[in-house]
């Protein structure tokens, strides 16, 4: 896989998760409204708490991008991909199960689908050693 594409991917998902996480922390009702979701008001503190986790995934992705820019060992970026794929996979499974169980509204499927797509991309990349050339 092309190094530029992998770097762009890292930056894009880092930006997406970091921005979403920050917005969830400081303005959860506004952020969820942008996503077309309507959470009960009494859940907003918990949505901010979740935002901290989303923010941490975004920052980890930015860290991976910085490692790529510095041409650091691909093993370090692979570890980030493994951990963020694990986190995203758990989120995707939870979201799909909760929507099917009618405990989350269907609008949450965008989160499950986007996280699932990232997991798929990263697992394929890890199995095919895409990151082996990021240090070059």
C-alpha atoms as a PDB file:
ATOM      1  CA  UNK A   1       0.000   0.000   0.000  1.00  0.00           C
ATOM      2  CA  UNK A   2       1.213   3.484  -0.826  1.00  0.00           C
ATOM      3  CA  UNK A   3       2.782   5.336   2.138  1.00  0.00           C
ATOM      4  CA  UNK A   4       0.962   8.570   1.226  1.00  0.00           C
ATOM      5  CA  UNK A   5      -2.427   6.842   1.314  1.00  0.00           C
ATOM      6  CA  UNK A   6      -1.663   5.269   4.695  1.00  0.00           C
ATOM      7  CA  UNK A   7      -0.537   8.623   6.090  1.00  0.00           C
ATOM      8  CA  UNK A   8      -3.670  10.327   4.734  1.00  0.00           C
ATOM      9  CA  UNK A   9      -5.794   7.610   6.336  1.00  0.00           C
ATOM     10  CA  UNK A  10      -4.084   8.132   9.717  1.00  0.00           C
ATOM     11  CA  UNK A  11      -4.581  11.890   9.547  1.00  0.00           C
ATOM     12  CA  UNK A  12      -8.201  11.633   8.382  1.00  0.00           C
ATOM     13  CA  UNK A  13      -9.298   9.228  11.108  1.00  0.00           C
ATOM     14  CA  UNK A  14      -7.231  11.112  13.681  1.00  0.00           C
ATOM     15  CA  UNK A  15      -8.936  14.361  12.741  1.00  0.00           C
ATOM     16  CA  UNK A  16     -12.387  12.771  12.700  1.00  0.00           C
ATOM     17  CA  UNK A  17     -12.103  11.064  16.087  1.00  0.00           C
ATOM     18  CA  UNK A  18     -10.260  13.908  17.794  1.00  0.00           C
ATOM     19  CA  UNK A  19     -12.818  16.490  16.653  1.00  0.00           C
ATOM     20  CA  UNK A  20     -15.774  14.259  17.518  1.00  0.00           C
ATOM     21  CA  UNK A  21     -14.302  13.385  20.913  1.00  0.00           C
ATOM     22  CA  UNK A  22     -13.615  17.028  21.789  1.00  0.00           C
ATOM     23  CA  UNK A  23     -17.095  18.061  20.708  1.00  0.00           C
ATOM     24  CA  UNK A  24     -18.680  15.248  22.724  1.00  0.00           C
ATOM     25  CA  UNK A  25     -16.730  16.313  25.803  1.00  0.00           C
ATOM     26  CA  UNK A  26     -17.641  20.017  25.626  1.00  0.00           C
ATOM     27  CA  UNK A  27     -21.010  19.987  23.825  1.00  0.00           C
ATOM     28  CA  UNK A  28     -22.568  16.526  23.735  1.00  0.00           C
ATOM     29  CA  UNK A  29     -26.133  17.612  22.869  1.00  0.00           C
ATOM     30  CA  UNK A  30     -24.895  19.763  19.983  1.00  0.00           C
ATOM     31  CA  UNK A  31     -22.560  17.031  18.702  1.00  0.00           C
ATOM     32  CA  UNK A  32     -25.149  14.278  18.838  1.00  0.00           C
ATOM     33  CA  UNK A  33     -27.636  16.632  17.193  1.00  0.00           C
ATOM     34  CA  UNK A  34     -25.199  17.065  14.291  1.00  0.00           C
ATOM     35  CA  UNK A  35     -25.226  13.283  13.996  1.00  0.00           C
ATOM     36  CA  UNK A  36     -29.038  13.290  13.889  1.00  0.00           C
ATOM     37  CA  UNK A  37     -29.305  11.630  17.291  1.00  0.00           C
ATOM     38  CA  UNK A  38     -31.641  12.543  20.128  1.00  0.00           C
ATOM     39  CA  UNK A  39     -30.272  11.289  23.460  1.00  0.00           C
ATOM     40  CA  UNK A  40     -32.200  11.843  26.685  1.00  0.00           C
ATOM     41  CA  UNK A  41     -30.885  14.914  28.510  1.00  0.00           C
ATOM     42  CA  UNK A  42     -29.947  12.894  31.582  1.00  0.00           C
ATOM     43  CA  UNK A  43     -27.467  10.846  29.505  1.00  0.00           C
ATOM     44  CA  UNK A  44     -25.400  13.838  28.352  1.00  0.00           C
ATOM     45  CA  UNK A  45     -22.762  13.568  31.111  1.00  0.00           C
ATOM     46  CA  UNK A  46     -22.189   9.970  30.032  1.00  0.00           C
ATOM     47  CA  UNK A  47     -21.948  11.062  26.395  1.00  0.00           C
ATOM     48  CA  UNK A  48     -19.165  13.463  27.435  1.00  0.00           C
ATOM     49  CA  UNK A  49     -17.439  10.595  29.216  1.00  0.00           C
ATOM     50  CA  UNK A  50     -17.644   8.532  26.013  1.00  0.00           C
ATOM     51  CA  UNK A  51     -16.205  11.542  24.193  1.00  0.00           C
ATOM     52  CA  UNK A  52     -13.018  11.189  26.220  1.00  0.00           C
ATOM     53  CA  UNK A  53     -12.574   7.670  24.842  1.00  0.00           C
ATOM     54  CA  UNK A  54     -13.294   8.815  21.271  1.00  0.00           C
ATOM     55  CA  UNK A  55     -10.757  11.611  21.783  1.00  0.00           C
ATOM     56  CA  UNK A  56      -8.128   9.113  22.966  1.00  0.00           C
ATOM     57  CA  UNK A  57      -8.567   6.998  19.817  1.00  0.00           C
ATOM     58  CA  UNK A  58      -8.211  10.116  17.675  1.00  0.00           C
ATOM     59  CA  UNK A  59      -5.060  11.187  19.472  1.00  0.00           C
ATOM     60  CA  UNK A  60      -3.630   7.676  19.079  1.00  0.00           C
ATOM     61  CA  UNK A  61      -4.258   7.932  15.338  1.00  0.00           C
ATOM     62  CA  UNK A  62      -2.514  11.315  15.217  1.00  0.00           C
ATOM     63  CA  UNK A  63       0.386   9.764  17.107  1.00  0.00           C
ATOM     64  CA  UNK A  64       0.539   7.038  14.460  1.00  0.00           C
ATOM     65  CA  UNK A  65       0.629   9.717  11.763  1.00  0.00           C
ATOM     66  CA  UNK A  66       3.473  11.494  13.558  1.00  0.00           C
ATOM     67  CA  UNK A  67       5.415   8.215  13.710  1.00  0.00           C
ATOM     68  CA  UNK A  68       4.885   7.787   9.980  1.00  0.00           C
ATOM     69  CA  UNK A  69       6.105  11.328   9.297  1.00  0.00           C
ATOM     70  CA  UNK A  70       9.220  10.710  11.395  1.00  0.00           C
ATOM     71  CA  UNK A  71       9.703   7.423   9.536  1.00  0.00           C
ATOM     72  CA  UNK A  72       9.742   5.517  12.825  1.00  0.00           C
ATOM     73  CA  UNK A  73       9.592   1.743  13.102  1.00  0.00           C
ATOM     74  CA  UNK A  74       6.467   0.309  11.469  1.00  0.00           C
ATOM     75  CA  UNK A  75       6.056  -1.957  14.514  1.00  0.00           C
ATOM     76  CA  UNK A  76       4.981   1.064  16.554  1.00  0.00           C
ATOM     77  CA  UNK A  77       2.312   2.045  14.023  1.00  0.00           C
ATOM     78  CA  UNK A  78       1.177  -1.577  13.797  1.00  0.00           C
ATOM     79  CA  UNK A  79       0.626  -1.598  17.574  1.00  0.00           C
ATOM     80  CA  UNK A  80      -1.547   1.496  17.247  1.00  0.00           C
ATOM     81  CA  UNK A  81      -3.532  -0.140  14.454  1.00  0.00           C
ATOM     82  CA  UNK A  82      -4.009  -3.300  16.532  1.00  0.00           C
ATOM     83  CA  UNK A  83      -5.244  -1.396  19.583  1.00  0.00           C
ATOM     84  CA  UNK A  84      -7.482   1.046  17.713  1.00  0.00           C
ATOM     85  CA  UNK A  85      -8.937  -1.796  15.623  1.00  0.00           C
ATOM     86  CA  UNK A  86      -9.726  -3.675  18.828  1.00  0.00           C
ATOM     87  CA  UNK A  87     -11.412  -0.602  20.313  1.00  0.00           C
ATOM     88  CA  UNK A  88     -13.334   0.172  17.133  1.00  0.00           C
ATOM     89  CA  UNK A  89     -14.370  -3.462  16.748  1.00  0.00           C
ATOM     90  CA  UNK A  90     -15.825  -3.492  20.255  1.00  0.00           C
ATOM     91  CA  UNK A  91     -17.690  -0.263  19.550  1.00  0.00           C
ATOM     92  CA  UNK A  92     -19.050  -1.549  16.240  1.00  0.00           C
ATOM     93  CA  UNK A  93     -20.281  -4.802  17.780  1.00  0.00           C
ATOM     94  CA  UNK A  94     -21.893  -2.954  20.679  1.00  0.00           C
ATOM     95  CA  UNK A  95     -23.618  -0.454  18.386  1.00  0.00           C
ATOM     96  CA  UNK A  96     -24.990  -3.129  16.040  1.00  0.00           C
ATOM     97  CA  UNK A  97     -26.263  -5.209  18.971  1.00  0.00           C
ATOM     98  CA  UNK A  98     -27.799  -2.184  20.698  1.00  0.00           C
ATOM     99  CA  UNK A  99     -29.580  -1.021  17.531  1.00  0.00           C
ATOM    100  CA  UNK A 100     -30.890  -4.546  16.916  1.00  0.00           C
ATOM    101  CA  UNK A 101     -31.979  -4.695  20.568  1.00  0.00           C
ATOM    102  CA  UNK A 102     -33.708  -1.298  20.233  1.00  0.00           C
ATOM    103  CA  UNK A 103     -31.660   0.301  23.008  1.00  0.00           C
ATOM    104  CA  UNK A 104     -29.979   2.714  20.564  1.00  0.00           C
ATOM    105  CA  UNK A 105     -31.715   4.541  17.752  1.00  0.00           C
ATOM    106  CA  UNK A 106     -30.830   3.510  14.172  1.00  0.00           C
ATOM    107  CA  UNK A 107     -28.868   6.738  13.636  1.00  0.00           C
ATOM    108  CA  UNK A 108     -26.066   5.150  15.665  1.00  0.00           C
ATOM    109  CA  UNK A 109     -25.458   2.724  12.789  1.00  0.00           C
ATOM    110  CA  UNK A 110     -23.270   5.378  11.136  1.00  0.00           C
ATOM    111  CA  UNK A 111     -20.884   4.984  14.076  1.00  0.00           C
ATOM    112  CA  UNK A 112     -20.925   1.188  13.834  1.00  0.00           C
ATOM    113  CA  UNK A 113     -20.442   1.217  10.082  1.00  0.00           C
ATOM    114  CA  UNK A 114     -17.594   3.734  10.115  1.00  0.00           C
ATOM    115  CA  UNK A 115     -15.811   1.947  12.962  1.00  0.00           C
ATOM    116  CA  UNK A 116     -16.374  -1.397  11.261  1.00  0.00           C
ATOM    117  CA  UNK A 117     -14.921  -0.045   8.004  1.00  0.00           C
ATOM    118  CA  UNK A 118     -11.813   1.174   9.852  1.00  0.00           C
ATOM    119  CA  UNK A 119     -11.428  -2.239  11.496  1.00  0.00           C
ATOM    120  CA  UNK A 120     -11.709  -3.972   8.134  1.00  0.00           C
ATOM    121  CA  UNK A 121      -9.145  -1.632   6.532  1.00  0.00           C
ATOM    122  CA  UNK A 122      -6.697  -1.992   9.411  1.00  0.00           C
ATOM    123  CA  UNK A 123      -7.031  -5.780   9.715  1.00  0.00           C
ATOM    124  CA  UNK A 124      -6.475  -6.189   5.967  1.00  0.00           C
ATOM    125  CA  UNK A 125      -3.511  -3.819   6.204  1.00  0.00           C
ATOM    126  CA  UNK A 126      -1.992  -5.662   9.138  1.00  0.00           C
ATOM    127  CA  UNK A 127      -2.400  -9.060   7.470  1.00  0.00           C
ATOM    128  CA  UNK A 128      -0.851  -7.758   4.253  1.00  0.00           C
ATOM    129  CA  UNK A 129       2.011  -5.904   6.002  1.00  0.00           C
ATOM    130  CA  UNK A 130       1.044  -2.530   4.513  1.00  0.00           C
ATOM    131  CA  UNK A 131       2.907  -0.675   7.244  1.00  0.00           C
ATOM    132  CA  UNK A 132       6.236  -2.417   6.567  1.00  0.00           C
ATOM    133  CA  UNK A 133       7.297   0.431   4.294  1.00  0.00           C
ATOM    134  CA  UNK A 134       6.221   3.484   6.324  1.00  0.00           C
ATOM    135  CA  UNK A 135       9.766   3.996   7.604  1.00  0.00           C
ATOM    136  CA  UNK A 136      11.180   4.335   4.116  1.00  0.00           C
END
